[in-house]
């Protein structure tokens, strides 16, 4: 990720601290140590934008909307206690975090619609 992207996009751990801790713990519990390390420095690049009230998914790296990830992609479902949590990983980099049917990741003012 370029330095420009780093300055423009907040760290997930700063925006959603409890969720970031949960994500890291789930990855470690699933034996995904390398991804757990990567997860600590994820950036909130873009929210899903689908408009569904049950979706809080977000991109953690730039990627053209509607385009497949291609070779090197894998989906990593995680056994969250609440809702669905899955990662799109491309060549060891977490590109997208799918968060569905969960309590709000952030409460109060500034919470994404």
C-alpha atoms as a PDB file:
ATOM      1  CA  UNK A   1       0.000   0.000   0.000  1.00  0.00           C
ATOM      2  CA  UNK A   2       1.350   3.423  -0.843  1.00  0.00           C
ATOM      3  CA  UNK A   3       2.131   6.060   1.765  1.00  0.00           C
ATOM      4  CA  UNK A   4      -0.689   8.166   0.302  1.00  0.00           C
ATOM      5  CA  UNK A   5      -3.239   5.439   0.999  1.00  0.00           C
ATOM      6  CA  UNK A   6      -1.852   5.009   4.525  1.00  0.00           C
ATOM      7  CA  UNK A   7      -2.422   8.686   5.344  1.00  0.00           C
ATOM      8  CA  UNK A   8      -5.889   8.801   3.804  1.00  0.00           C
ATOM      9  CA  UNK A   9      -7.358   5.689   5.412  1.00  0.00           C
ATOM     10  CA  UNK A  10      -7.603   5.050   9.164  1.00  0.00           C
ATOM     11  CA  UNK A  11      -6.401   1.883  10.827  1.00  0.00           C
ATOM     12  CA  UNK A  12      -9.231  -0.565  11.486  1.00  0.00           C
ATOM     13  CA  UNK A  13      -7.902  -1.009  15.039  1.00  0.00           C
ATOM     14  CA  UNK A  14      -8.463   2.725  15.651  1.00  0.00           C
ATOM     15  CA  UNK A  15     -11.965   2.826  14.169  1.00  0.00           C
ATOM     16  CA  UNK A  16     -13.205  -0.560  15.456  1.00  0.00           C
ATOM     17  CA  UNK A  17     -10.815  -1.535  18.301  1.00  0.00           C
ATOM     18  CA  UNK A  18     -12.904  -4.376  19.783  1.00  0.00           C
ATOM     19  CA  UNK A  19     -13.562  -5.842  16.339  1.00  0.00           C
ATOM     20  CA  UNK A  20      -9.866  -5.653  15.416  1.00  0.00           C
ATOM     21  CA  UNK A  21      -8.961  -7.571  18.582  1.00  0.00           C
ATOM     22  CA  UNK A  22     -11.642 -10.184  17.829  1.00  0.00           C
ATOM     23  CA  UNK A  23     -10.456 -10.571  14.238  1.00  0.00           C
ATOM     24  CA  UNK A  24      -6.848 -11.073  15.311  1.00  0.00           C
ATOM     25  CA  UNK A  25      -7.842 -13.597  17.995  1.00  0.00           C
ATOM     26  CA  UNK A  26     -10.021 -15.578  15.556  1.00  0.00           C
ATOM     27  CA  UNK A  27      -7.223 -15.724  12.994  1.00  0.00           C
ATOM     28  CA  UNK A  28      -4.739 -16.924  15.598  1.00  0.00           C
ATOM     29  CA  UNK A  29      -7.219 -19.550  16.862  1.00  0.00           C
ATOM     30  CA  UNK A  30      -7.687 -20.811  13.290  1.00  0.00           C
ATOM     31  CA  UNK A  31      -3.937 -21.189  12.789  1.00  0.00           C
ATOM     32  CA  UNK A  32      -3.737 -18.177  10.453  1.00  0.00           C
ATOM     33  CA  UNK A  33      -0.798 -16.572  12.261  1.00  0.00           C
ATOM     34  CA  UNK A  34       0.494 -14.671   9.223  1.00  0.00           C
ATOM     35  CA  UNK A  35      -2.949 -13.172   8.596  1.00  0.00           C
ATOM     36  CA  UNK A  36      -3.286 -12.304  12.292  1.00  0.00           C
ATOM     37  CA  UNK A  37      -0.091 -10.261  11.987  1.00  0.00           C
ATOM     38  CA  UNK A  38      -1.353  -8.570   8.817  1.00  0.00           C
ATOM     39  CA  UNK A  39      -4.732  -7.853  10.467  1.00  0.00           C
ATOM     40  CA  UNK A  40      -3.132  -5.590  13.065  1.00  0.00           C
ATOM     41  CA  UNK A  41      -2.306  -3.028  10.376  1.00  0.00           C
ATOM     42  CA  UNK A  42      -5.445  -3.178   8.226  1.00  0.00           C
ATOM     43  CA  UNK A  43      -6.749   0.099   6.851  1.00  0.00           C
ATOM     44  CA  UNK A  44     -10.397   1.019   6.371  1.00  0.00           C
ATOM     45  CA  UNK A  45     -10.282   1.891   2.670  1.00  0.00           C
ATOM     46  CA  UNK A  46     -13.998   1.796   1.815  1.00  0.00           C
ATOM     47  CA  UNK A  47     -17.274   0.624   3.275  1.00  0.00           C
ATOM     48  CA  UNK A  48     -19.309  -1.874   1.283  1.00  0.00           C
ATOM     49  CA  UNK A  49     -21.929   0.595   0.149  1.00  0.00           C
ATOM     50  CA  UNK A  50     -24.560  -2.054  -0.633  1.00  0.00           C
ATOM     51  CA  UNK A  51     -27.082  -0.280   1.585  1.00  0.00           C
ATOM     52  CA  UNK A  52     -28.229  -3.417   3.407  1.00  0.00           C
ATOM     53  CA  UNK A  53     -28.738  -2.674   7.102  1.00  0.00           C
ATOM     54  CA  UNK A  54     -27.290  -6.065   8.082  1.00  0.00           C
ATOM     55  CA  UNK A  55     -23.994  -5.490   6.222  1.00  0.00           C
ATOM     56  CA  UNK A  56     -20.943  -3.776   7.711  1.00  0.00           C
ATOM     57  CA  UNK A  57     -18.395  -5.174   5.260  1.00  0.00           C
ATOM     58  CA  UNK A  58     -15.430  -3.073   4.197  1.00  0.00           C
ATOM     59  CA  UNK A  59     -12.432  -3.013   1.868  1.00  0.00           C
ATOM     60  CA  UNK A  60      -8.958  -2.928   3.379  1.00  0.00           C
ATOM     61  CA  UNK A  61      -7.100  -2.365   0.108  1.00  0.00           C
ATOM     62  CA  UNK A  62      -7.992  -0.717  -3.198  1.00  0.00           C
ATOM     63  CA  UNK A  63      -9.615  -3.036  -5.729  1.00  0.00           C
ATOM     64  CA  UNK A  64     -11.838  -2.288  -8.744  1.00  0.00           C
ATOM     65  CA  UNK A  65     -15.475  -2.819  -7.763  1.00  0.00           C
ATOM     66  CA  UNK A  66     -17.068  -5.838  -9.393  1.00  0.00           C
ATOM     67  CA  UNK A  67     -13.762  -7.294 -10.565  1.00  0.00           C
ATOM     68  CA  UNK A  68     -12.668 -10.781  -9.459  1.00  0.00           C
ATOM     69  CA  UNK A  69      -9.565 -11.066  -7.311  1.00  0.00           C
ATOM     70  CA  UNK A  70      -8.149 -13.726  -9.640  1.00  0.00           C
ATOM     71  CA  UNK A  71      -5.293 -16.151  -9.052  1.00  0.00           C
ATOM     72  CA  UNK A  72      -3.939 -16.166  -5.516  1.00  0.00           C
ATOM     73  CA  UNK A  73      -7.357 -15.431  -3.972  1.00  0.00           C
ATOM     74  CA  UNK A  74      -8.819 -17.414  -1.127  1.00  0.00           C
ATOM     75  CA  UNK A  75     -11.799 -16.908   1.148  1.00  0.00           C
ATOM     76  CA  UNK A  76     -11.155 -17.347   4.867  1.00  0.00           C
ATOM     77  CA  UNK A  77     -14.391 -17.879   6.853  1.00  0.00           C
ATOM     78  CA  UNK A  78     -13.993 -17.297  10.586  1.00  0.00           C
ATOM     79  CA  UNK A  79     -16.086 -18.830  13.403  1.00  0.00           C
ATOM     80  CA  UNK A  80     -17.375 -15.592  14.921  1.00  0.00           C
ATOM     81  CA  UNK A  81     -19.749 -15.910  17.862  1.00  0.00           C
ATOM     82  CA  UNK A  82     -22.123 -13.496  16.152  1.00  0.00           C
ATOM     83  CA  UNK A  83     -23.030 -13.207  12.483  1.00  0.00           C
ATOM     84  CA  UNK A  84     -20.895 -14.040   9.482  1.00  0.00           C
ATOM     85  CA  UNK A  85     -17.261 -13.043   9.232  1.00  0.00           C
ATOM     86  CA  UNK A  86     -15.116 -13.900   6.198  1.00  0.00           C
ATOM     87  CA  UNK A  87     -11.994 -12.467   4.607  1.00  0.00           C
ATOM     88  CA  UNK A  88     -11.000 -12.156   0.978  1.00  0.00           C
ATOM     89  CA  UNK A  89      -7.256 -12.744   0.912  1.00  0.00           C
ATOM     90  CA  UNK A  90      -5.063 -12.187  -2.143  1.00  0.00           C
ATOM     91  CA  UNK A  91      -1.498 -13.496  -2.005  1.00  0.00           C
ATOM     92  CA  UNK A  92      -1.423 -13.226   1.798  1.00  0.00           C
ATOM     93  CA  UNK A  93      -2.966  -9.750   1.913  1.00  0.00           C
ATOM     94  CA  UNK A  94      -6.421  -9.180   3.425  1.00  0.00           C
ATOM     95  CA  UNK A  95      -8.323  -7.249   0.764  1.00  0.00           C
ATOM     96  CA  UNK A  96     -11.893  -7.289   2.081  1.00  0.00           C
ATOM     97  CA  UNK A  97     -13.632  -8.083   5.368  1.00  0.00           C
ATOM     98  CA  UNK A  98     -17.185  -9.395   5.065  1.00  0.00           C
ATOM     99  CA  UNK A  99     -19.190  -8.590   8.205  1.00  0.00           C
ATOM    100  CA  UNK A 100     -22.866  -9.597   8.121  1.00  0.00           C
ATOM    101  CA  UNK A 101     -25.647  -9.941  10.726  1.00  0.00           C
ATOM    102  CA  UNK A 102     -23.761  -8.501  13.697  1.00  0.00           C
ATOM    103  CA  UNK A 103     -24.323  -5.761  16.230  1.00  0.00           C
ATOM    104  CA  UNK A 104     -22.894  -2.424  15.069  1.00  0.00           C
ATOM    105  CA  UNK A 105     -19.107  -2.362  14.984  1.00  0.00           C
ATOM    106  CA  UNK A 106     -19.238   1.276  16.091  1.00  0.00           C
ATOM    107  CA  UNK A 107     -21.953   2.964  18.147  1.00  0.00           C
ATOM    108  CA  UNK A 108     -23.086   6.549  18.283  1.00  0.00           C
ATOM    109  CA  UNK A 109     -22.321   9.540  16.053  1.00  0.00           C
ATOM    110  CA  UNK A 110     -20.328   8.789  12.945  1.00  0.00           C
ATOM    111  CA  UNK A 111     -21.604   5.235  12.664  1.00  0.00           C
ATOM    112  CA  UNK A 112     -21.906   4.258   9.006  1.00  0.00           C
ATOM    113  CA  UNK A 113     -25.491   3.988   7.736  1.00  0.00           C
END
